Amino acid sequence: MSAVATYNLPDFVVGNTWQGVPLYTISPVPSGAGALDDVEIQFRLSSPTSPTYVAKLSAANGDITLVPGTWSFIISPQVLPLPAGTFFQSVKLFDDSGTPQPYTYTTGTITGILPPTR
């Protein structure tokens, strides 16, 4: 099993459009994995492995775009469904067999800040 990589997502301002990630490429592709079929990013409050998440984005729900024929994806700019605070995020990958590839995910944090007041 590979070590889990750390990747912190760019901060966001609550209620504003977050910049997203223009291209996120998984390399190397897990040995024996089929084609990338879904990506899920789960956001948690207490730890990256907490069983309860507060929000998630996924390709299956249209929040993430898979790049055909690769293990790459795009997270388009969007308003994130998160309040202010720091969240642990984890990226889970699924191949076309529907089997999670937990040994090829990343963890990190993302921080939501309140918009400036006038």
N, C-alpha and C. Protein backbone atom coordinates (compact mmCIF):
# COMPACT_ATOMS: atom_id res chain seq x y z
N MET A 1 0.84 -1.17 0.00
CA MET A 1 0.00 0.00 0.00
C MET A 1 0.89 1.24 0.00
N SER A 2 0.58 2.20 -0.87
CA SER A 2 1.36 3.43 -0.97
C SER A 2 1.06 4.36 0.19
N ALA A 3 2.02 5.22 0.47
CA ALA A 3 1.79 6.25 1.48
C ALA A 3 0.77 7.25 0.95
N VAL A 4 -0.02 7.81 1.84
CA VAL A 4 -1.02 8.80 1.45
C VAL A 4 -0.32 10.15 1.29
N ALA A 5 -0.53 10.79 0.16
CA ALA A 5 0.07 12.10 -0.10
C ALA A 5 -0.77 13.19 0.55
N THR A 6 -0.12 14.29 0.90
CA THR A 6 -0.83 15.45 1.45
C THR A 6 -0.93 16.51 0.38
N TYR A 7 -2.14 17.01 0.17
CA TYR A 7 -2.38 18.07 -0.79
C TYR A 7 -3.42 19.00 -0.19
N ASN A 8 -3.02 20.22 0.14
CA ASN A 8 -3.95 21.19 0.71
C ASN A 8 -4.61 21.97 -0.42
N LEU A 9 -5.93 22.01 -0.42
CA LEU A 9 -6.66 22.75 -1.43
C LEU A 9 -6.61 24.25 -1.15
N PRO A 10 -6.72 25.08 -2.18
CA PRO A 10 -6.71 26.54 -1.97
C PRO A 10 -7.87 26.98 -1.07
N ASP A 11 -7.61 27.99 -0.23
CA ASP A 11 -8.65 28.54 0.65
C ASP A 11 -9.82 29.07 -0.18
N PHE A 12 -10.95 29.24 0.50
CA PHE A 12 -12.13 29.81 -0.16
C PHE A 12 -12.78 30.83 0.76
N VAL A 13 -13.52 31.76 0.16
CA VAL A 13 -14.30 32.73 0.92
C VAL A 13 -15.74 32.22 0.94
N VAL A 14 -16.28 32.07 2.13
CA VAL A 14 -17.62 31.52 2.30
C VAL A 14 -18.63 32.31 1.46
N GLY A 15 -19.42 31.58 0.66
CA GLY A 15 -20.46 32.20 -0.15
C GLY A 15 -19.98 32.70 -1.50
N ASN A 16 -18.67 32.79 -1.72
CA ASN A 16 -18.13 33.23 -2.99
C ASN A 16 -17.72 32.03 -3.83
N THR A 17 -17.50 32.25 -5.10
CA THR A 17 -17.06 31.17 -5.98
C THR A 17 -15.60 30.85 -5.67
N TRP A 18 -15.35 29.59 -5.34
CA TRP A 18 -14.00 29.09 -5.07
C TRP A 18 -13.32 28.84 -6.40
N GLN A 19 -12.02 29.02 -6.47
CA GLN A 19 -11.28 28.91 -7.73
C GLN A 19 -11.20 27.50 -8.30
N GLY A 20 -11.42 26.48 -7.49
CA GLY A 20 -11.33 25.11 -7.95
C GLY A 20 -9.89 24.68 -8.18
N VAL A 21 -9.71 23.60 -8.90
CA VAL A 21 -8.39 23.08 -9.25
C VAL A 21 -8.42 22.79 -10.75
N PRO A 22 -7.60 23.50 -11.55
CA PRO A 22 -7.68 23.35 -13.00
C PRO A 22 -7.34 21.95 -13.51
N LEU A 23 -6.43 21.25 -12.87
CA LEU A 23 -6.11 19.89 -13.27
C LEU A 23 -5.43 19.19 -12.11
N TYR A 24 -5.93 18.03 -11.76
CA TYR A 24 -5.42 17.23 -10.65
C TYR A 24 -5.11 15.86 -11.25
N THR A 25 -3.85 15.47 -11.29
CA THR A 25 -3.45 14.22 -11.93
C THR A 25 -2.90 13.25 -10.90
N ILE A 26 -3.40 12.02 -10.93
CA ILE A 26 -2.93 10.96 -10.03
C ILE A 26 -1.80 10.22 -10.75
N SER A 27 -0.65 10.19 -10.12
CA SER A 27 0.50 9.50 -10.71
C SER A 27 1.37 8.98 -9.57
N PRO A 28 1.77 7.74 -9.65
CA PRO A 28 1.44 6.76 -10.68
C PRO A 28 0.03 6.21 -10.49
N VAL A 29 -0.51 5.70 -11.57
CA VAL A 29 -1.83 5.04 -11.51
C VAL A 29 -1.66 3.75 -10.72
N PRO A 30 -2.61 3.44 -9.84
CA PRO A 30 -2.49 2.22 -9.04
C PRO A 30 -2.34 0.97 -9.91
N SER A 31 -1.46 0.10 -9.51
CA SER A 31 -1.22 -1.15 -10.23
C SER A 31 -2.51 -1.96 -10.29
N GLY A 32 -2.87 -2.40 -11.48
CA GLY A 32 -4.05 -3.22 -11.66
C GLY A 32 -5.36 -2.45 -11.73
N ALA A 33 -5.31 -1.13 -11.62
CA ALA A 33 -6.55 -0.34 -11.65
C ALA A 33 -7.07 -0.22 -13.07
N GLY A 34 -8.39 -0.16 -13.19
CA GLY A 34 -9.02 0.08 -14.48
C GLY A 34 -9.06 1.57 -14.77
N ALA A 35 -9.96 1.97 -15.63
CA ALA A 35 -10.11 3.39 -15.98
C ALA A 35 -10.72 4.15 -14.80
N LEU A 36 -10.33 5.40 -14.62
CA LEU A 36 -10.89 6.24 -13.56
C LEU A 36 -12.37 6.45 -13.85
N ASP A 37 -13.21 6.13 -12.88
CA ASP A 37 -14.66 6.16 -13.08
C ASP A 37 -15.36 7.18 -12.19
N ASP A 38 -14.79 7.50 -11.05
CA ASP A 38 -15.39 8.49 -10.15
C ASP A 38 -14.32 9.02 -9.21
N VAL A 39 -14.51 10.25 -8.78
CA VAL A 39 -13.67 10.89 -7.78
C VAL A 39 -14.62 11.49 -6.76
N GLU A 40 -14.28 11.33 -5.50
CA GLU A 40 -15.10 11.87 -4.42
C GLU A 40 -14.18 12.60 -3.45
N ILE A 41 -14.52 13.84 -3.14
CA ILE A 41 -13.78 14.61 -2.14
C ILE A 41 -14.71 14.81 -0.96
N GLN A 42 -14.31 14.29 0.19
CA GLN A 42 -15.10 14.41 1.41
C GLN A 42 -14.45 15.42 2.34
N PHE A 43 -15.27 16.26 2.95
CA PHE A 43 -14.79 17.29 3.87
C PHE A 43 -15.25 16.94 5.28
N ARG A 44 -14.30 16.89 6.22
CA ARG A 44 -14.57 16.50 7.61
C ARG A 44 -14.07 17.58 8.57
N LEU A 45 -14.68 17.62 9.75
CA LEU A 45 -14.26 18.60 10.76
C LEU A 45 -13.15 18.09 11.67
N SER A 46 -13.22 16.84 12.10
CA SER A 46 -12.32 16.40 13.17
C SER A 46 -11.01 15.77 12.70
N SER A 47 -11.04 14.97 11.64
CA SER A 47 -9.81 14.33 11.15
C SER A 47 -10.07 13.81 9.74
N PRO A 48 -9.01 13.54 8.97
CA PRO A 48 -9.23 13.04 7.61
C PRO A 48 -9.87 11.66 7.56
N THR A 49 -9.85 10.93 8.65
CA THR A 49 -10.43 9.59 8.67
C THR A 49 -11.71 9.48 9.49
N SER A 50 -12.22 10.62 9.95
CA SER A 50 -13.48 10.60 10.70
C SER A 50 -14.57 9.95 9.86
N PRO A 51 -15.41 9.11 10.47
CA PRO A 51 -16.45 8.43 9.68
C PRO A 51 -17.54 9.37 9.16
N THR A 52 -17.64 10.56 9.71
CA THR A 52 -18.70 11.49 9.32
C THR A 52 -18.11 12.67 8.56
N TYR A 53 -18.65 12.93 7.39
CA TYR A 53 -18.21 14.11 6.65
C TYR A 53 -19.35 15.13 6.60
N VAL A 54 -18.97 16.41 6.45
CA VAL A 54 -19.97 17.49 6.45
C VAL A 54 -20.44 17.84 5.05
N ALA A 55 -19.64 17.53 4.05
CA ALA A 55 -20.01 17.80 2.65
C ALA A 55 -19.12 16.96 1.76
N LYS A 56 -19.55 16.78 0.51
CA LYS A 56 -18.69 16.09 -0.45
C LYS A 56 -18.96 16.62 -1.85
N LEU A 57 -17.94 16.50 -2.67
CA LEU A 57 -18.04 16.77 -4.10
C LEU A 57 -17.76 15.45 -4.81
N SER A 58 -18.36 15.22 -5.96
CA SER A 58 -18.06 14.00 -6.70
C SER A 58 -18.29 14.19 -8.19
N ALA A 59 -17.59 13.37 -8.97
CA ALA A 59 -17.82 13.36 -10.41
C ALA A 59 -19.22 12.83 -10.70
N ALA A 60 -19.66 11.84 -9.92
CA ALA A 60 -20.99 11.25 -10.13
C ALA A 60 -22.09 12.30 -9.98
N ASN A 61 -21.88 13.31 -9.14
CA ASN A 61 -22.87 14.36 -8.93
C ASN A 61 -22.63 15.58 -9.82
N GLY A 62 -21.58 15.53 -10.68
CA GLY A 62 -21.30 16.64 -11.58
C GLY A 62 -20.45 17.75 -10.99
N ASP A 63 -19.93 17.55 -9.78
CA ASP A 63 -19.10 18.58 -9.14
C ASP A 63 -17.66 18.56 -9.66
N ILE A 64 -17.24 17.42 -10.20
CA ILE A 64 -15.87 17.18 -10.65
C ILE A 64 -15.96 16.61 -12.06
N THR A 65 -15.06 17.04 -12.94
CA THR A 65 -15.04 16.55 -14.32
C THR A 65 -13.85 15.61 -14.51
N LEU A 66 -14.12 14.39 -14.96
CA LEU A 66 -13.05 13.44 -15.25
C LEU A 66 -12.49 13.75 -16.65
N VAL A 67 -11.17 13.63 -16.80
CA VAL A 67 -10.54 13.78 -18.10
C VAL A 67 -10.48 12.39 -18.73
N PRO A 68 -11.23 12.16 -19.82
CA PRO A 68 -11.33 10.81 -20.39
C PRO A 68 -9.96 10.20 -20.73
N GLY A 69 -9.82 8.90 -20.44
CA GLY A 69 -8.61 8.16 -20.78
C GLY A 69 -7.42 8.44 -19.89
N THR A 70 -7.63 9.15 -18.79
CA THR A 70 -6.53 9.48 -17.87
C THR A 70 -6.98 9.25 -16.43
N TRP A 71 -6.05 9.42 -15.52
CA TRP A 71 -6.37 9.46 -14.09
C TRP A 71 -6.22 10.91 -13.65
N SER A 72 -6.88 11.81 -14.37
CA SER A 72 -6.86 13.25 -14.09
C SER A 72 -8.30 13.74 -13.98
N PHE A 73 -8.47 14.83 -13.25
CA PHE A 73 -9.79 15.43 -13.13
C PHE A 73 -9.67 16.92 -12.88
N ILE A 74 -10.79 17.61 -13.08
CA ILE A 74 -10.87 19.07 -12.93
C ILE A 74 -11.95 19.36 -11.91
N ILE A 75 -11.63 20.24 -10.98
CA ILE A 75 -12.65 20.73 -10.05
C ILE A 75 -12.93 22.16 -10.48
N SER A 76 -14.05 22.36 -11.16
CA SER A 76 -14.39 23.68 -11.70
C SER A 76 -14.68 24.67 -10.59
N PRO A 77 -14.50 25.96 -10.86
CA PRO A 77 -14.88 26.97 -9.88
C PRO A 77 -16.35 26.79 -9.48
N GLN A 78 -16.61 26.88 -8.18
CA GLN A 78 -17.96 26.69 -7.66
C GLN A 78 -18.05 27.21 -6.24
N VAL A 79 -19.27 27.44 -5.79
CA VAL A 79 -19.49 27.82 -4.39
C VAL A 79 -19.50 26.53 -3.58
N LEU A 80 -18.61 26.42 -2.61
CA LEU A 80 -18.53 25.20 -1.80
C LEU A 80 -19.60 25.20 -0.71
N PRO A 81 -20.16 24.04 -0.41
CA PRO A 81 -21.22 23.94 0.60
C PRO A 81 -20.65 23.82 2.01
N LEU A 82 -19.74 24.74 2.36
CA LEU A 82 -19.07 24.68 3.66
C LEU A 82 -19.13 26.04 4.36
N PRO A 83 -19.22 26.03 5.69
CA PRO A 83 -19.13 27.28 6.45
C PRO A 83 -17.66 27.67 6.66
N ALA A 84 -17.44 28.75 7.37
CA ALA A 84 -16.07 29.16 7.71
C ALA A 84 -15.43 28.13 8.62
N GLY A 85 -14.13 27.94 8.49
CA GLY A 85 -13.39 27.01 9.32
C GLY A 85 -12.40 26.22 8.50
N THR A 86 -11.63 25.40 9.17
CA THR A 86 -10.67 24.53 8.49
C THR A 86 -11.23 23.12 8.47
N PHE A 87 -11.20 22.51 7.31
CA PHE A 87 -11.75 21.17 7.12
C PHE A 87 -10.66 20.25 6.62
N PHE A 88 -10.71 19.01 7.05
CA PHE A 88 -9.86 17.97 6.49
C PHE A 88 -10.57 17.48 5.24
N GLN A 89 -9.82 17.32 4.17
CA GLN A 89 -10.42 16.79 2.96
C GLN A 89 -9.67 15.55 2.53
N SER A 90 -10.39 14.62 1.95
CA SER A 90 -9.75 13.42 1.41
C SER A 90 -10.32 13.16 0.02
N VAL A 91 -9.44 12.76 -0.87
CA VAL A 91 -9.82 12.45 -2.25
C VAL A 91 -9.83 10.94 -2.40
N LYS A 92 -10.97 10.40 -2.76
CA LYS A 92 -11.11 8.95 -2.96
C LYS A 92 -11.34 8.71 -4.45
N LEU A 93 -10.68 7.68 -4.95
CA LEU A 93 -10.72 7.36 -6.37
C LEU A 93 -11.39 6.02 -6.59
N PHE A 94 -12.15 5.93 -7.66
CA PHE A 94 -12.85 4.69 -8.01
C PHE A 94 -12.55 4.36 -9.46
N ASP A 95 -12.22 3.10 -9.72
CA ASP A 95 -11.99 2.72 -11.11
C ASP A 95 -13.29 2.19 -11.70
N ASP A 96 -13.26 1.79 -12.97
CA ASP A 96 -14.49 1.40 -13.65
C ASP A 96 -15.09 0.08 -13.17
N SER A 97 -14.41 -0.59 -12.23
CA SER A 97 -15.01 -1.77 -11.63
C SER A 97 -15.88 -1.38 -10.43
N GLY A 98 -15.85 -0.10 -10.04
CA GLY A 98 -16.61 0.37 -8.89
C GLY A 98 -15.92 0.11 -7.57
N THR A 99 -14.68 -0.35 -7.62
CA THR A 99 -13.93 -0.65 -6.42
C THR A 99 -13.15 0.58 -5.95
N PRO A 100 -13.31 1.02 -4.69
CA PRO A 100 -12.52 2.15 -4.22
C PRO A 100 -11.03 1.81 -4.25
N GLN A 101 -10.24 2.76 -4.57
CA GLN A 101 -8.78 2.61 -4.56
C GLN A 101 -8.23 3.42 -3.38
N PRO A 102 -8.47 3.00 -2.14
CA PRO A 102 -8.09 3.82 -0.99
C PRO A 102 -6.60 4.03 -0.84
N TYR A 103 -5.80 3.22 -1.50
CA TYR A 103 -4.36 3.40 -1.39
C TYR A 103 -3.84 4.47 -2.35
N THR A 104 -4.74 5.12 -3.11
CA THR A 104 -4.33 6.19 -4.01
C THR A 104 -5.14 7.46 -3.77
N TYR A 105 -5.36 7.80 -2.53
CA TYR A 105 -6.06 9.05 -2.27
C TYR A 105 -5.11 10.00 -1.57
N THR A 106 -5.50 11.25 -1.54
CA THR A 106 -4.72 12.27 -0.85
C THR A 106 -5.56 12.84 0.28
N THR A 107 -4.89 13.38 1.26
CA THR A 107 -5.57 14.10 2.33
C THR A 107 -4.92 15.46 2.47
N GLY A 108 -5.59 16.34 3.13
CA GLY A 108 -5.06 17.68 3.36
C GLY A 108 -6.13 18.52 4.02
N THR A 109 -6.00 19.82 3.89
CA THR A 109 -6.98 20.71 4.48
C THR A 109 -7.44 21.74 3.45
N ILE A 110 -8.54 22.37 3.78
CA ILE A 110 -9.05 23.52 3.05
C ILE A 110 -9.66 24.43 4.10
N THR A 111 -9.46 25.73 3.94
CA THR A 111 -9.95 26.69 4.94
C THR A 111 -10.92 27.67 4.30
N GLY A 112 -12.07 27.80 4.94
CA GLY A 112 -13.06 28.78 4.52
C GLY A 112 -12.96 30.00 5.41
N ILE A 113 -12.87 31.16 4.80
CA ILE A 113 -12.79 32.41 5.55
C ILE A 113 -14.03 33.25 5.27
N LEU A 114 -14.40 34.04 6.24
CA LEU A 114 -15.57 34.90 6.07
C LEU A 114 -15.21 36.06 5.15
N PRO A 115 -16.19 36.52 4.35
CA PRO A 115 -15.90 37.67 3.49
C PRO A 115 -15.65 38.91 4.35
N PRO A 116 -14.84 39.86 3.84
CA PRO A 116 -14.60 41.08 4.61
C PRO A 116 -15.89 41.86 4.83
N THR A 117 -16.01 42.49 5.98
CA THR A 117 -17.19 43.33 6.25
C THR A 117 -16.84 44.77 5.92
N ARG A 118 -17.83 45.51 5.56
CA ARG A 118 -17.60 46.93 5.21
C ARG A 118 -18.09 47.82 6.30
